[in-house]
Amino acid sequence: VVLVPEHGAAVRGDKRQMQGLREIPTHAITHVPVGVMLVNASGKAADAALTTVDTPVSYLALTELLARFMADNPFAKTNLELADYVQDLPATDAIAENDGTIIVTQGKQAMMRTPDGTWNSWGETI
């Protein structure tokens, strides 16, 4: 089972945008948790409550994870280690766009391009 939400829907606000607004694709809106569950897996995966990936990733890491599952069937293993599958997934710096406003991050530094094409420092993302 794979769960990928569309976006954070601005459920909570931040210091640049109040709750409910989505004009600027801020970190609070565009960074959402993704869940992958292996139903009926055996071995240590069946006993593990949660394996977490803490690095910034995108759909590229998710597709890589699914490709690893297809290349090395986790359901055929008797001693499954999920850590082997999530190790060294491709990390991705964030980029988000919403009606012409773009936020690009590299590390913790962010830049914003407004609809008129002007780039401004957006400060730290986290």
Protein backbone atom coordinates (compact mmCIF):
# COMPACT_ATOMS: atom_id res chain seq x y z
CA VAL A 1 0.00 0.00 0.00
CA VAL A 2 1.43 3.40 -1.01
CA LEU A 3 -0.08 6.65 0.29
CA VAL A 4 1.03 9.93 -1.32
CA PRO A 5 -1.00 13.04 -0.34
CA GLU A 6 -1.41 15.80 -2.92
CA HIS A 7 -0.09 18.56 -0.63
CA GLY A 8 -0.30 19.83 2.92
CA ALA A 9 -3.42 21.91 2.10
CA ALA A 10 -2.18 24.74 4.34
CA VAL A 11 -3.77 23.12 7.38
CA ARG A 12 -1.34 25.04 9.55
CA GLY A 13 0.09 28.45 8.88
CA ASP A 14 3.65 29.66 9.13
CA LYS A 15 5.31 33.01 9.71
CA ARG A 16 4.91 34.04 6.05
CA GLN A 17 1.41 32.85 5.28
CA MET A 18 -1.68 32.38 7.43
CA GLN A 19 -3.53 29.11 7.79
CA GLY A 20 -5.70 28.21 4.80
CA LEU A 21 -3.77 30.22 2.17
CA ARG A 22 -1.78 28.46 -0.54
CA GLU A 23 -0.52 31.32 -2.72
CA ILE A 24 3.11 30.68 -1.80
CA PRO A 25 4.20 27.02 -1.89
CA THR A 26 5.91 27.09 1.52
CA HIS A 27 7.58 24.21 3.32
CA ALA A 28 4.52 23.73 5.55
CA ILE A 29 2.31 23.13 2.49
CA THR A 30 4.52 21.18 0.11
CA HIS A 31 6.33 18.83 2.50
CA VAL A 32 4.05 15.95 3.35
CA PRO A 33 4.63 12.48 4.77
CA VAL A 34 4.45 9.51 2.41
CA GLY A 35 3.58 6.05 3.63
CA VAL A 36 4.51 2.65 2.23
CA MET A 37 3.20 -0.49 3.90
CA LEU A 38 4.09 -4.06 3.01
CA VAL A 39 1.00 -6.11 3.83
CA ASN A 40 1.74 -9.70 4.90
CA ALA A 41 5.51 -9.18 4.93
CA SER A 42 7.54 -11.65 6.95
CA GLY A 43 10.70 -11.46 9.01
CA LYS A 44 11.78 -8.35 10.87
CA ALA A 45 9.58 -6.11 8.72
CA ALA A 46 6.50 -7.76 10.19
CA ASP A 47 7.77 -6.98 13.69
CA ALA A 48 9.02 -3.45 12.94
CA ALA A 49 6.61 -0.67 13.79
CA LEU A 50 8.18 1.91 11.49
CA THR A 51 11.19 2.49 9.27
CA THR A 52 11.74 6.21 8.66
CA VAL A 53 13.67 8.04 5.93
CA ASP A 54 14.82 11.39 7.36
CA THR A 55 16.58 12.82 4.29
CA PRO A 56 14.79 15.20 1.89
CA VAL A 57 13.37 13.00 -0.87
CA SER A 58 10.82 13.29 -3.65
CA TYR A 59 8.93 11.03 -5.99
CA LEU A 60 12.33 9.94 -7.34
CA ALA A 61 13.12 8.19 -4.05
CA LEU A 62 9.67 6.63 -3.95
CA THR A 63 10.06 5.20 -7.45
CA GLU A 64 13.54 3.97 -6.54
CA LEU A 65 12.10 2.22 -3.47
CA LEU A 66 9.39 0.56 -5.55
CA ALA A 67 12.00 -0.50 -8.13
CA ARG A 68 14.04 -2.09 -5.34
CA PHE A 69 10.96 -3.99 -4.17
CA MET A 70 10.41 -5.29 -7.72
CA ALA A 71 14.07 -6.24 -8.21
CA ASP A 72 14.36 -8.03 -4.86
CA ASN A 73 10.89 -9.27 -3.87
CA PRO A 74 10.41 -8.52 -0.15
CA PHE A 75 7.58 -11.05 0.10
CA ALA A 76 9.87 -13.91 -0.98
CA LYS A 77 12.27 -13.30 1.92
CA THR A 78 12.06 -15.07 5.25
CA ASN A 79 14.27 -12.55 7.04
CA LEU A 80 13.30 -9.18 5.56
CA GLU A 81 15.30 -6.09 6.55
CA LEU A 82 13.55 -2.90 5.41
CA ALA A 83 16.68 -0.86 6.19
CA ASP A 84 18.36 -2.57 3.21
CA TYR A 85 15.70 -1.18 0.87
CA VAL A 86 15.68 2.42 2.15
CA GLN A 87 19.46 2.79 2.43
CA ASP A 88 20.95 5.42 0.08
CA LEU A 89 17.73 6.53 -1.59
CA PRO A 90 18.29 9.53 -3.88
CA ALA A 91 18.06 12.77 -1.88
CA THR A 92 16.40 15.75 -3.53
CA ASP A 93 16.44 19.45 -2.69
CA ALA A 94 12.95 20.91 -2.69
CA ILE A 95 11.33 22.83 -5.51
CA ALA A 96 7.67 23.84 -5.48
CA GLU A 97 5.52 25.91 -7.83
CA ASN A 98 2.06 27.39 -7.46
CA ASP A 99 0.54 29.70 -10.11
CA GLY A 100 3.86 31.20 -11.12
CA THR A 101 5.45 31.48 -7.68
CA ILE A 102 8.41 29.10 -7.34
CA ILE A 103 10.39 28.21 -4.21
CA VAL A 104 13.73 26.48 -4.78
CA THR A 105 15.87 25.22 -1.91
CA GLN A 106 19.42 24.03 -1.68
CA GLY A 107 20.25 22.72 1.75
CA LYS A 108 18.52 25.14 4.11
CA GLN A 109 18.72 28.21 1.82
CA ALA A 110 15.63 29.04 -0.24
CA MET A 111 14.99 31.38 -3.16
CA MET A 112 11.58 32.52 -4.39
CA ARG A 113 10.62 33.59 -7.92
CA THR A 114 7.53 35.75 -7.99
CA PRO A 115 5.04 35.72 -10.90
CA ASP A 116 6.78 38.79 -12.38
CA GLY A 117 10.05 36.78 -12.70
CA THR A 118 11.96 38.42 -9.82
CA TRP A 119 14.13 36.13 -7.67
CA ASN A 120 14.39 36.93 -3.95
CA SER A 121 16.09 35.27 -1.02
CA TRP A 122 13.44 33.45 0.95
CA GLY A 123 15.67 32.72 3.94
CA GLU A 124 15.93 29.39 5.70
CA THR A 125 13.33 26.76 4.86
CA ILE A 126 13.35 24.94 8.18
